[in-house]
Amino acid sequence: SQNIFYRAYATEWYKFSHRLKSLLLITLYRSNKPCGLKAGNMIPLS
């Protein structure tokens, strides 16, 4: 899940149009905090 953040951030995003930049920001925001599983909503399973 966090690999999405790294791949999106590694692009030359500063060359994109404003529309694409707004979508890229959404992607970075969603994937900045990785998804995962937890035990009892407390302990991350890792």
All heavy atoms as atom14 arrays in JSON, in Angstrom:
{
  "sequence": "SQNIFYRAYATEWYKFSHRLKSLLLITLYRSNKPCGLKAGNMIPLS",
  "atom14_mask": [
    [1, 1, 1, 1, 1, 1, 0, 0, 0, 0, 0, 0, 0, 0],
    [1, 1, 1, 1, 1, 1, 1, 1, 1, 0, 0, 0, 0, 0],
    [1, 1, 1, 1, 1, 1, 1, 1, 0, 0, 0, 0, 0, 0],
    [1, 1, 1, 1, 1, 1, 1, 1, 0, 0, 0, 0, 0, 0],
    [1, 1, 1, 1, 1, 1, 1, 1, 1, 1, 1, 0, 0, 0],
    [1, 1, 1, 1, 1, 1, 1, 1, 1, 1, 1, 1, 0, 0],
    [1, 1, 1, 1, 1, 1, 1, 1, 1, 1, 1, 0, 0, 0],
    [1, 1, 1, 1, 1, 0, 0, 0, 0, 0, 0, 0, 0, 0],
    [1, 1, 1, 1, 1, 1, 1, 1, 1, 1, 1, 1, 0, 0],
    [1, 1, 1, 1, 1, 0, 0, 0, 0, 0, 0, 0, 0, 0],
    [1, 1, 1, 1, 1, 1, 1, 0, 0, 0, 0, 0, 0, 0],
    [1, 1, 1, 1, 1, 1, 1, 1, 1, 0, 0, 0, 0, 0],
    [1, 1, 1, 1, 1, 1, 1, 1, 1, 1, 1, 1, 1, 1],
    [1, 1, 1, 1, 1, 1, 1, 1, 1, 1, 1, 1, 0, 0],
    [1, 1, 1, 1, 1, 1, 1, 1, 1, 0, 0, 0, 0, 0],
    [1, 1, 1, 1, 1, 1, 1, 1, 1, 1, 1, 0, 0, 0],
    [1, 1, 1, 1, 1, 1, 0, 0, 0, 0, 0, 0, 0, 0],
    [1, 1, 1, 1, 1, 1, 1, 1, 1, 1, 0, 0, 0, 0],
    [1, 1, 1, 1, 1, 1, 1, 1, 1, 1, 1, 0, 0, 0],
    [1, 1, 1, 1, 1, 1, 1, 1, 0, 0, 0, 0, 0, 0],
    [1, 1, 1, 1, 1, 1, 1, 1, 1, 0, 0, 0, 0, 0],
    [1, 1, 1, 1, 1, 1, 0, 0, 0, 0, 0, 0, 0, 0],
    [1, 1, 1, 1, 1, 1, 1, 1, 0, 0, 0, 0, 0, 0],
    [1, 1, 1, 1, 1, 1, 1, 1, 0, 0, 0, 0, 0, 0],
    [1, 1, 1, 1, 1, 1, 1, 1, 0, 0, 0, 0, 0, 0],
    [1, 1, 1, 1, 1, 1, 1, 1, 0, 0, 0, 0, 0, 0],
    [1, 1, 1, 1, 1, 1, 1, 0, 0, 0, 0, 0, 0, 0],
    [1, 1, 1, 1, 1, 1, 1, 1, 0, 0, 0, 0, 0, 0],
    [1, 1, 1, 1, 1, 1, 1, 1, 1, 1, 1, 1, 0, 0],
    [1, 1, 1, 1, 1, 1, 1, 1, 1, 1, 1, 0, 0, 0],
    [1, 1, 1, 1, 1, 1, 0, 0, 0, 0, 0, 0, 0, 0],
    [1, 1, 1, 1, 1, 1, 1, 1, 0, 0, 0, 0, 0, 0],
    [1, 1, 1, 1, 1, 1, 1, 1, 1, 0, 0, 0, 0, 0],
    [1, 1, 1, 1, 1, 1, 1, 0, 0, 0, 0, 0, 0, 0],
    [1, 1, 1, 1, 1, 1, 0, 0, 0, 0, 0, 0, 0, 0],
    [1, 1, 1, 1, 0, 0, 0, 0, 0, 0, 0, 0, 0, 0],
    [1, 1, 1, 1, 1, 1, 1, 1, 0, 0, 0, 0, 0, 0],
    [1, 1, 1, 1, 1, 1, 1, 1, 1, 0, 0, 0, 0, 0],
    [1, 1, 1, 1, 1, 0, 0, 0, 0, 0, 0, 0, 0, 0],
    [1, 1, 1, 1, 0, 0, 0, 0, 0, 0, 0, 0, 0, 0],
    [1, 1, 1, 1, 1, 1, 1, 1, 0, 0, 0, 0, 0, 0],
    [1, 1, 1, 1, 1, 1, 1, 1, 0, 0, 0, 0, 0, 0],
    [1, 1, 1, 1, 1, 1, 1, 1, 0, 0, 0, 0, 0, 0],
    [1, 1, 1, 1, 1, 1, 1, 0, 0, 0, 0, 0, 0, 0],
    [1, 1, 1, 1, 1, 1, 1, 1, 0, 0, 0, 0, 0, 0],
    [1, 1, 1, 1, 1, 1, 0, 0, 0, 0, 0, 0, 0, 0]
  ],
  "atom14_positions": [
    [[0.83, -1.21, 0.0], [0.0, 0.0, 0.0], [0.86, 1.26, 0.0], [0.53, 2.25, -0.66], [-0.93, 0.01, 1.21], [-0.21, 0.03, 2.42], [0.0, 0.0, 0.0], [0.0, 0.0, 0.0], [0.0, 0.0, 0.0], [0.0, 0.0, 0.0], [0.0, 0.0, 0.0], [0.0, 0.0, 0.0], [0.0, 0.0, 0.0], [0.0, 0.0, 0.0]],
    [[1.99, 1.23, 0.7], [2.86, 2.41, 0.73], [3.71, 2.52, -0.52], [4.21, 3.61, -0.84], [3.75, 2.36, 1.97], [4.32, 3.73, 2.35], [4.87, 3.77, 3.75], [5.43, 2.8, 4.24], [4.7, 4.91, 4.42], [0.0, 0.0, 0.0], [0.0, 0.0, 0.0], [0.0, 0.0, 0.0], [0.0, 0.0, 0.0], [0.0, 0.0, 0.0]],
    [[3.85, 1.43, -1.25], [4.61, 1.47, -2.49], [3.96, 2.4, -3.51], [4.65, 2.99, -4.36], [4.72, 0.06, -3.08], [5.76, -0.03, -4.17], [6.82, 0.6, -4.11], [5.47, -0.8, -5.2], [0.0, 0.0, 0.0], [0.0, 0.0, 0.0], [0.0, 0.0, 0.0], [0.0, 0.0, 0.0], [0.0, 0.0, 0.0], [0.0, 0.0, 0.0]],
    [[2.63, 2.56, -3.41], [1.92, 3.51, -4.29], [2.43, 4.93, -4.05], [2.65, 5.69, -4.99], [0.4, 3.43, -4.03], [-0.13, 2.05, -4.46], [-0.34, 4.53, -4.79], [-1.6, 1.84, -4.17], [0.0, 0.0, 0.0], [0.0, 0.0, 0.0], [0.0, 0.0, 0.0], [0.0, 0.0, 0.0], [0.0, 0.0, 0.0], [0.0, 0.0, 0.0]],
    [[2.64, 5.28, -2.79], [3.15, 6.61, -2.45], [4.53, 6.83, -3.06], [4.8, 7.87, -3.67], [3.22, 6.76, -0.93], [3.83, 8.05, -0.46], [3.04, 9.17, -0.28], [5.19, 8.14, -0.21], [3.59, 10.37, 0.14], [5.76, 9.33, 0.21], [4.96, 10.45, 0.38], [0.0, 0.0, 0.0], [0.0, 0.0, 0.0], [0.0, 0.0, 0.0]],
    [[5.42, 5.85, -2.92], [6.78, 6.0, -3.41], [6.82, 6.13, -4.94], [7.58, 6.96, -5.49], [7.64, 4.82, -2.98], [7.81, 4.72, -1.48], [7.69, 3.5, -0.82], [8.09, 5.85, -0.71], [7.85, 3.42, 0.56], [8.24, 5.77, 0.66], [8.11, 4.56, 1.29], [8.26, 4.48, 2.66], [0.0, 0.0, 0.0], [0.0, 0.0, 0.0]],
    [[6.01, 5.35, -5.64], [6.01, 5.4, -7.1], [5.44, 6.72, -7.61], [5.91, 7.28, -8.6], [5.22, 4.23, -7.67], [5.89, 2.88, -7.45], [5.39, 1.84, -8.42], [6.08, 0.57, -8.24], [5.95, -0.47, -9.06], [5.14, -0.36, -10.1], [6.6, -1.58, -8.84], [0.0, 0.0, 0.0], [0.0, 0.0, 0.0], [0.0, 0.0, 0.0]],
    [[4.38, 7.19, -6.94], [3.78, 8.46, -7.36], [4.71, 9.63, -7.07], [4.86, 10.54, -7.89], [2.44, 8.67, -6.64], [0.0, 0.0, 0.0], [0.0, 0.0, 0.0], [0.0, 0.0, 0.0], [0.0, 0.0, 0.0], [0.0, 0.0, 0.0], [0.0, 0.0, 0.0], [0.0, 0.0, 0.0], [0.0, 0.0, 0.0], [0.0, 0.0, 0.0]],
    [[5.37, 9.6, -5.94], [6.25, 10.7, -5.55], [7.52, 10.76, -6.4], [8.12, 11.83, -6.58], [6.63, 10.57, -4.07], [7.38, 11.75, -3.51], [6.71, 12.93, -3.2], [8.76, 11.68, -3.31], [7.39, 14.02, -2.7], [9.46, 12.77, -2.8], [8.77, 13.94, -2.51], [9.45, 15.02, -2.01], [0.0, 0.0, 0.0], [0.0, 0.0, 0.0]],
    [[7.93, 9.6, -6.91], [9.18, 9.54, -7.68], [9.06, 10.16, -9.07], [10.07, 10.37, -9.75], [9.64, 8.09, -7.81], [0.0, 0.0, 0.0], [0.0, 0.0, 0.0], [0.0, 0.0, 0.0], [0.0, 0.0, 0.0], [0.0, 0.0, 0.0], [0.0, 0.0, 0.0], [0.0, 0.0, 0.0], [0.0, 0.0, 0.0], [0.0, 0.0, 0.0]],
    [[7.86, 10.46, -9.54], [7.67, 11.04, -10.86], [8.0, 12.53, -10.86], [8.09, 13.16, -9.8], [6.22, 10.85, -11.34], [5.34, 11.5, -10.39], [5.87, 9.38, -11.44], [0.0, 0.0, 0.0], [0.0, 0.0, 0.0], [0.0, 0.0, 0.0], [0.0, 0.0, 0.0], [0.0, 0.0, 0.0], [0.0, 0.0, 0.0], [0.0, 0.0, 0.0]],
    [[8.13, 13.09, -12.05], [8.39, 14.52, -12.17], [7.05, 15.27, -12.1], [6.57, 15.85, -13.07], [9.12, 14.81, -13.48], [10.5, 14.16, -13.53], [11.22, 14.43, -14.85], [10.58, 14.94, -15.8], [12.42, 14.15, -14.93], [0.0, 0.0, 0.0], [0.0, 0.0, 0.0], [0.0, 0.0, 0.0], [0.0, 0.0, 0.0], [0.0, 0.0, 0.0]],
    [[6.46, 15.24, -10.92], [5.12, 15.78, -10.73], [5.03, 17.29, -10.97], [3.96, 17.81, -11.31], [4.66, 15.49, -9.29], [5.63, 15.91, -8.23], [6.61, 15.17, -7.7], [5.73, 17.21, -7.63], [7.33, 15.88, -6.78], [6.81, 17.15, -6.72], [5.03, 18.41, -7.77], [7.18, 18.24, -5.96], [5.39, 19.5, -7.01], [6.46, 19.41, -6.12]],
    [[6.13, 18.0, -10.84], [6.12, 19.45, -11.01], [5.89, 19.85, -12.47], [5.64, 21.03, -12.76], [7.45, 20.05, -10.51], [8.68, 19.32, -10.97], [9.26, 19.58, -12.22], [9.25, 18.33, -10.17], [10.38, 18.9, -12.64], [10.38, 17.64, -10.6], [10.94, 17.93, -11.83], [12.05, 17.24, -12.26], [0.0, 0.0, 0.0], [0.0, 0.0, 0.0]],
    [[5.98, 18.88, -13.39], [5.74, 19.18, -14.81], [4.28, 18.96, -15.22], [3.91, 19.25, -16.35], [6.63, 18.29, -15.69], [8.13, 18.52, -15.51], [8.91, 17.6, -16.42], [10.41, 17.8, -16.25], [11.19, 16.89, -17.13], [0.0, 0.0, 0.0], [0.0, 0.0, 0.0], [0.0, 0.0, 0.0], [0.0, 0.0, 0.0], [0.0, 0.0, 0.0]],
    [[3.47, 18.41, -14.29], [2.09, 18.06, -14.64], [1.21, 19.3, -14.65], [1.52, 20.34, -14.05], [1.53, 17.04, -13.66], [2.3, 15.74, -13.61], [2.12, 14.86, -12.55], [3.2, 15.4, -14.61], [2.82, 13.67, -12.49], [3.9, 14.22, -14.55], [3.72, 13.34, -13.49], [0.0, 0.0, 0.0], [0.0, 0.0, 0.0], [0.0, 0.0, 0.0]],
    [[0.05, 19.12, -15.27], [-0.96, 20.18, -15.25], [-1.57, 20.28, -13.87], [-1.44, 19.38, -13.04], [-2.04, 19.89, -16.29], [-2.74, 18.71, -15.92], [0.0, 0.0, 0.0], [0.0, 0.0, 0.0], [0.0, 0.0, 0.0], [0.0, 0.0, 0.0], [0.0, 0.0, 0.0], [0.0, 0.0, 0.0], [0.0, 0.0, 0.0], [0.0, 0.0, 0.0]],
    [[-2.3, 21.37, -13.62], [-2.91, 21.57, -12.31], [-3.92, 20.46, -12.01], [-4.07, 20.04, -10.85], [-3.58, 22.95, -12.25], [-2.61, 24.08, -12.23], [-1.7, 24.27, -11.22], [-2.37, 25.08, -13.13], [-0.96, 25.33, -11.45], [-1.34, 25.84, -12.63], [0.0, 0.0, 0.0], [0.0, 0.0, 0.0], [0.0, 0.0, 0.0], [0.0, 0.0, 0.0]],
    [[-4.65, 20.01, -13.03], [-5.65, 18.96, -12.82], [-4.98, 17.66, -12.33], [-5.44, 17.03, -11.39], [-6.43, 18.69, -14.1], [-7.25, 19.87, -14.6], [-7.88, 19.52, -15.92], [-8.98, 18.6, -15.77], [-9.52, 17.91, -16.79], [-9.0, 18.02, -18.01], [-10.54, 17.11, -16.58], [0.0, 0.0, 0.0], [0.0, 0.0, 0.0], [0.0, 0.0, 0.0]],
    [[-3.89, 17.3, -12.99], [-3.2, 16.07, -12.61], [-2.5, 16.21, -11.26], [-2.42, 15.25, -10.49], [-2.18, 15.67, -13.69], [-2.75, 15.03, -14.95], [-1.64, 14.76, -15.95], [-3.49, 13.74, -14.63], [0.0, 0.0, 0.0], [0.0, 0.0, 0.0], [0.0, 0.0, 0.0], [0.0, 0.0, 0.0], [0.0, 0.0, 0.0], [0.0, 0.0, 0.0]],
    [[-2.0, 17.41, -10.99], [-1.37, 17.63, -9.69], [-2.36, 17.43, -8.55], [-2.02, 16.88, -7.5], [-0.78, 19.04, -9.63], [0.54, 19.2, -10.35], [1.06, 20.63, -10.22], [2.37, 20.81, -10.98], [2.84, 22.22, -10.91], [0.0, 0.0, 0.0], [0.0, 0.0, 0.0], [0.0, 0.0, 0.0], [0.0, 0.0, 0.0], [0.0, 0.0, 0.0]],
    [[-3.6, 17.88, -8.75], [-4.63, 17.72, -7.71], [-4.92, 16.25, -7.47], [-5.09, 15.81, -6.32], [-5.91, 18.47, -8.11], [-6.48, 17.91, -9.28], [0.0, 0.0, 0.0], [0.0, 0.0, 0.0], [0.0, 0.0, 0.0], [0.0, 0.0, 0.0], [0.0, 0.0, 0.0], [0.0, 0.0, 0.0], [0.0, 0.0, 0.0], [0.0, 0.0, 0.0]],
    [[-4.96, 15.44, -8.54], [-5.18, 13.99, -8.38], [-3.98, 13.33, -7.72], [-4.14, 12.42, -6.9], [-5.43, 13.34, -9.75], [-6.69, 13.78, -10.49], [-6.83, 13.01, -11.8], [-7.93, 13.57, -9.65], [0.0, 0.0, 0.0], [0.0, 0.0, 0.0], [0.0, 0.0, 0.0], [0.0, 0.0, 0.0], [0.0, 0.0, 0.0], [0.0, 0.0, 0.0]],
    [[-2.79, 13.79, -8.08], [-1.59, 13.22, -7.48], [-1.53, 13.51, -5.98], [-1.11, 12.67, -5.19], [-0.35, 13.78, -8.18], [0.99, 13.14, -7.82], [1.01, 11.68, -8.22], [2.14, 13.88, -8.5], [0.0, 0.0, 0.0], [0.0, 0.0, 0.0], [0.0, 0.0, 0.0], [0.0, 0.0, 0.0], [0.0, 0.0, 0.0], [0.0, 0.0, 0.0]],
    [[-1.98, 14.69, -5.59], [-2.02, 15.04, -4.17], [-2.96, 14.1, -3.4], [-2.68, 13.71, -2.27], [-2.47, 16.49, -3.99], [-1.41, 17.56, -4.29], [-2.03, 18.95, -4.24], [-0.27, 17.47, -3.28], [0.0, 0.0, 0.0], [0.0, 0.0, 0.0], [0.0, 0.0, 0.0], [0.0, 0.0, 0.0], [0.0, 0.0, 0.0], [0.0, 0.0, 0.0]],
    [[-4.09, 13.77, -4.03], [-5.03, 12.84, -3.39], [-4.36, 11.48, -3.2], [-4.49, 10.85, -2.14], [-6.31, 12.7, -4.25], [-7.07, 14.02, -4.3], [-7.21, 11.59, -3.7], [-8.24, 14.02, -5.25], [0.0, 0.0, 0.0], [0.0, 0.0, 0.0], [0.0, 0.0, 0.0], [0.0, 0.0, 0.0], [0.0, 0.0, 0.0], [0.0, 0.0, 0.0]],
    [[-3.65, 11.03, -4.22], [-2.95, 9.74, -4.13], [-1.9, 9.76, -3.02], [-1.81, 8.82, -2.21], [-2.26, 9.42, -5.47], [-3.23, 9.43, -6.51], [-1.58, 8.05, -5.41], [0.0, 0.0, 0.0], [0.0, 0.0, 0.0], [0.0, 0.0, 0.0], [0.0, 0.0, 0.0], [0.0, 0.0, 0.0], [0.0, 0.0, 0.0], [0.0, 0.0, 0.0]],
    [[-1.11, 10.83, -2.98], [-0.07, 10.93, -1.95], [-0.68, 10.98, -0.55], [-0.15, 10.38, 0.39], [0.79, 12.17, -2.2], [1.63, 12.16, -3.48], [2.32, 13.51, -3.68], [2.66, 11.04, -3.45], [0.0, 0.0, 0.0], [0.0, 0.0, 0.0], [0.0, 0.0, 0.0], [0.0, 0.0, 0.0], [0.0, 0.0, 0.0], [0.0, 0.0, 0.0]],
    [[-1.79, 11.68, -0.41], [-2.45, 11.79, 0.89], [-2.99, 10.43, 1.34], [-2.83, 10.04, 2.5], [-3.58, 12.81, 0.81], [-4.39, 12.93, 2.08], [-3.89, 13.62, 3.18], [-5.64, 12.33, 2.18], [-4.61, 13.72, 4.36], [-6.37, 12.42, 3.36], [-5.86, 13.12, 4.44], [-6.59, 13.2, 5.6], [0.0, 0.0, 0.0], [0.0, 0.0, 0.0]],
    [[-3.62, 9.71, 0.41], [-4.21, 8.41, 0.76], [-3.15, 7.36, 1.1], [-3.36, 6.51, 1.97], [-5.06, 7.88, -0.39], [-6.42, 8.55, -0.55], [-7.14, 7.89, -1.7], [-8.48, 8.42, -1.89], [-9.29, 8.04, -2.88], [-8.87, 7.12, -3.75], [-10.49, 8.56, -3.0], [0.0, 0.0, 0.0], [0.0, 0.0, 0.0], [0.0, 0.0, 0.0]],
    [[-2.05, 7.4, 0.37], [-1.04, 6.32, 0.51], [0.1, 6.69, 1.44], [0.99, 5.86, 1.67], [-0.49, 5.95, -0.87], [0.05, 7.09, -1.51], [0.0, 0.0, 0.0], [0.0, 0.0, 0.0], [0.0, 0.0, 0.0], [0.0, 0.0, 0.0], [0.0, 0.0, 0.0], [0.0, 0.0, 0.0], [0.0, 0.0, 0.0], [0.0, 0.0, 0.0]],
    [[0.1, 7.93, 1.97], [1.18, 8.33, 2.88], [1.18, 7.46, 4.13], [2.23, 7.03, 4.61], [1.03, 9.8, 3.24], [2.16, 10.28, 4.12], [3.31, 9.88, 3.95], [1.86, 11.14, 5.07], [0.0, 0.0, 0.0], [0.0, 0.0, 0.0], [0.0, 0.0, 0.0], [0.0, 0.0, 0.0], [0.0, 0.0, 0.0], [0.0, 0.0, 0.0]],
    [[-0.02, 7.21, 4.67], [-0.16, 6.31, 5.81], [-0.54, 4.94, 5.28], [-1.61, 4.76, 4.72], [-1.23, 6.83, 6.77], [-1.36, 6.0, 8.03], [-2.42, 6.57, 8.95], [-2.55, 5.73, 10.22], [-3.61, 6.28, 11.13], [0.0, 0.0, 0.0], [0.0, 0.0, 0.0], [0.0, 0.0, 0.0], [0.0, 0.0, 0.0], [0.0, 0.0, 0.0]],
    [[0.32, 3.94, 5.44], [0.05, 2.63, 4.84], [-1.16, 1.94, 5.46], [-1.45, 2.11, 6.64], [1.33, 1.84, 5.12], [1.92, 2.48, 6.32], [1.57, 3.94, 6.21], [0.0, 0.0, 0.0], [0.0, 0.0, 0.0], [0.0, 0.0, 0.0], [0.0, 0.0, 0.0], [0.0, 0.0, 0.0], [0.0, 0.0, 0.0], [0.0, 0.0, 0.0]],
    [[-1.86, 1.18, 4.62], [-2.93, 0.33, 5.13], [-2.29, -0.85, 5.86], [-1.14, -1.2, 5.63], [-3.8, -0.18, 3.99], [-4.7, 1.1, 3.11], [0.0, 0.0, 0.0], [0.0, 0.0, 0.0], [0.0, 0.0, 0.0], [0.0, 0.0, 0.0], [0.0, 0.0, 0.0], [0.0, 0.0, 0.0], [0.0, 0.0, 0.0], [0.0, 0.0, 0.0]],
    [[-3.05, -1.48, 6.72], [-2.52, -2.62, 7.44], [-3.59, -3.3, 8.28], [-4.75, -2.87, 8.3], [0.0, 0.0, 0.0], [0.0, 0.0, 0.0], [0.0, 0.0, 0.0], [0.0, 0.0, 0.0], [0.0, 0.0, 0.0], [0.0, 0.0, 0.0], [0.0, 0.0, 0.0], [0.0, 0.0, 0.0], [0.0, 0.0, 0.0], [0.0, 0.0, 0.0]],
    [[-3.19, -4.36, 8.95], [-4.08, -5.11, 9.83], [-3.64, -4.92, 11.27], [-2.44, -4.8, 11.53], [-4.06, -6.6, 9.46], [-4.36, -6.93, 7.99], [-4.24, -8.43, 7.76], [-5.73, -6.44, 7.58], [0.0, 0.0, 0.0], [0.0, 0.0, 0.0], [0.0, 0.0, 0.0], [0.0, 0.0, 0.0], [0.0, 0.0, 0.0], [0.0, 0.0, 0.0]],
    [[-4.61, -4.89, 12.16], [-4.29, -4.69, 13.57], [-4.96, -5.75, 14.43], [-6.03, -6.27, 14.08], [-4.74, -3.3, 14.03], [-3.91, -2.17, 13.45], [-4.3, -0.83, 14.06], [-3.41, 0.29, 13.55], [-3.78, 1.6, 14.15], [0.0, 0.0, 0.0], [0.0, 0.0, 0.0], [0.0, 0.0, 0.0], [0.0, 0.0, 0.0], [0.0, 0.0, 0.0]],
    [[-4.33, -6.04, 15.55], [-4.92, -6.95, 16.54], [-5.58, -6.1, 17.61], [-4.9, -5.33, 18.31], [-3.84, -7.83, 17.15], [0.0, 0.0, 0.0], [0.0, 0.0, 0.0], [0.0, 0.0, 0.0], [0.0, 0.0, 0.0], [0.0, 0.0, 0.0], [0.0, 0.0, 0.0], [0.0, 0.0, 0.0], [0.0, 0.0, 0.0], [0.0, 0.0, 0.0]],
    [[-6.91, -6.21, 17.72], [-7.63, -5.43, 18.71], [-7.58, -3.94, 18.47], [-7.73, -3.15, 19.4], [0.0, 0.0, 0.0], [0.0, 0.0, 0.0], [0.0, 0.0, 0.0], [0.0, 0.0, 0.0], [0.0, 0.0, 0.0], [0.0, 0.0, 0.0], [0.0, 0.0, 0.0], [0.0, 0.0, 0.0], [0.0, 0.0, 0.0], [0.0, 0.0, 0.0]],
    [[-7.37, -3.53, 17.22], [-7.27, -2.12, 16.85], [-6.16, -1.4, 17.61], [-6.19, -0.17, 17.75], [-8.61, -1.41, 17.1], [-8.79, -0.19, 16.21], [-8.19, -0.11, 15.13], [-9.57, 0.77, 16.65], [0.0, 0.0, 0.0], [0.0, 0.0, 0.0], [0.0, 0.0, 0.0], [0.0, 0.0, 0.0], [0.0, 0.0, 0.0], [0.0, 0.0, 0.0]],
    [[-5.19, -2.17, 18.11], [-4.09, -1.58, 18.89], [-2.73, -1.98, 18.36], [-1.86, -1.14, 18.14], [-4.2, -2.01, 20.37], [-5.46, -1.56, 21.08], [-5.44, -2.09, 22.8], [-5.49, -3.88, 22.62], [0.0, 0.0, 0.0], [0.0, 0.0, 0.0], [0.0, 0.0, 0.0], [0.0, 0.0, 0.0], [0.0, 0.0, 0.0], [0.0, 0.0, 0.0]],
    [[-2.54, -3.27, 18.15], [-1.23, -3.81, 17.8], [-1.16, -4.07, 16.3], [-1.94, -4.88, 15.78], [-0.95, -5.12, 18.57], [-1.1, -4.89, 20.07], [0.43, -5.65, 18.23], [-1.06, -6.16, 20.88], [0.0, 0.0, 0.0], [0.0, 0.0, 0.0], [0.0, 0.0, 0.0], [0.0, 0.0, 0.0], [0.0, 0.0, 0.0], [0.0, 0.0, 0.0]],
    [[-0.27, -3.4, 15.57], [-0.16, -3.67, 14.13], [0.42, -5.06, 13.89], [1.38, -5.46, 14.55], [0.79, -2.57, 13.64], [1.58, -2.18, 14.84], [0.66, -2.35, 16.02], [0.0, 0.0, 0.0], [0.0, 0.0, 0.0], [0.0, 0.0, 0.0], [0.0, 0.0, 0.0], [0.0, 0.0, 0.0], [0.0, 0.0, 0.0], [0.0, 0.0, 0.0]],
    [[-0.18, -5.77, 12.96], [0.33, -7.09, 12.6], [1.47, -6.91, 11.6], [1.24, -6.55, 10.44], [-0.79, -7.95, 12.0], [-1.92, -8.3, 12.98], [-3.03, -9.05, 12.26], [-1.4, -9.12, 14.14], [0.0, 0.0, 0.0], [0.0, 0.0, 0.0], [0.0, 0.0, 0.0], [0.0, 0.0, 0.0], [0.0, 0.0, 0.0], [0.0, 0.0, 0.0]],
    [[2.67, -7.13, 12.06], [3.85, -6.91, 11.23], [4.96, -7.85, 11.69], [4.82, -8.56, 12.7], [4.32, -5.46, 11.35], [4.68, -5.17, 12.69], [0.0, 0.0, 0.0], [0.0, 0.0, 0.0], [0.0, 0.0, 0.0], [0.0, 0.0, 0.0], [0.0, 0.0, 0.0], [0.0, 0.0, 0.0], [0.0, 0.0, 0.0], [0.0, 0.0, 0.0]]
  ]
}
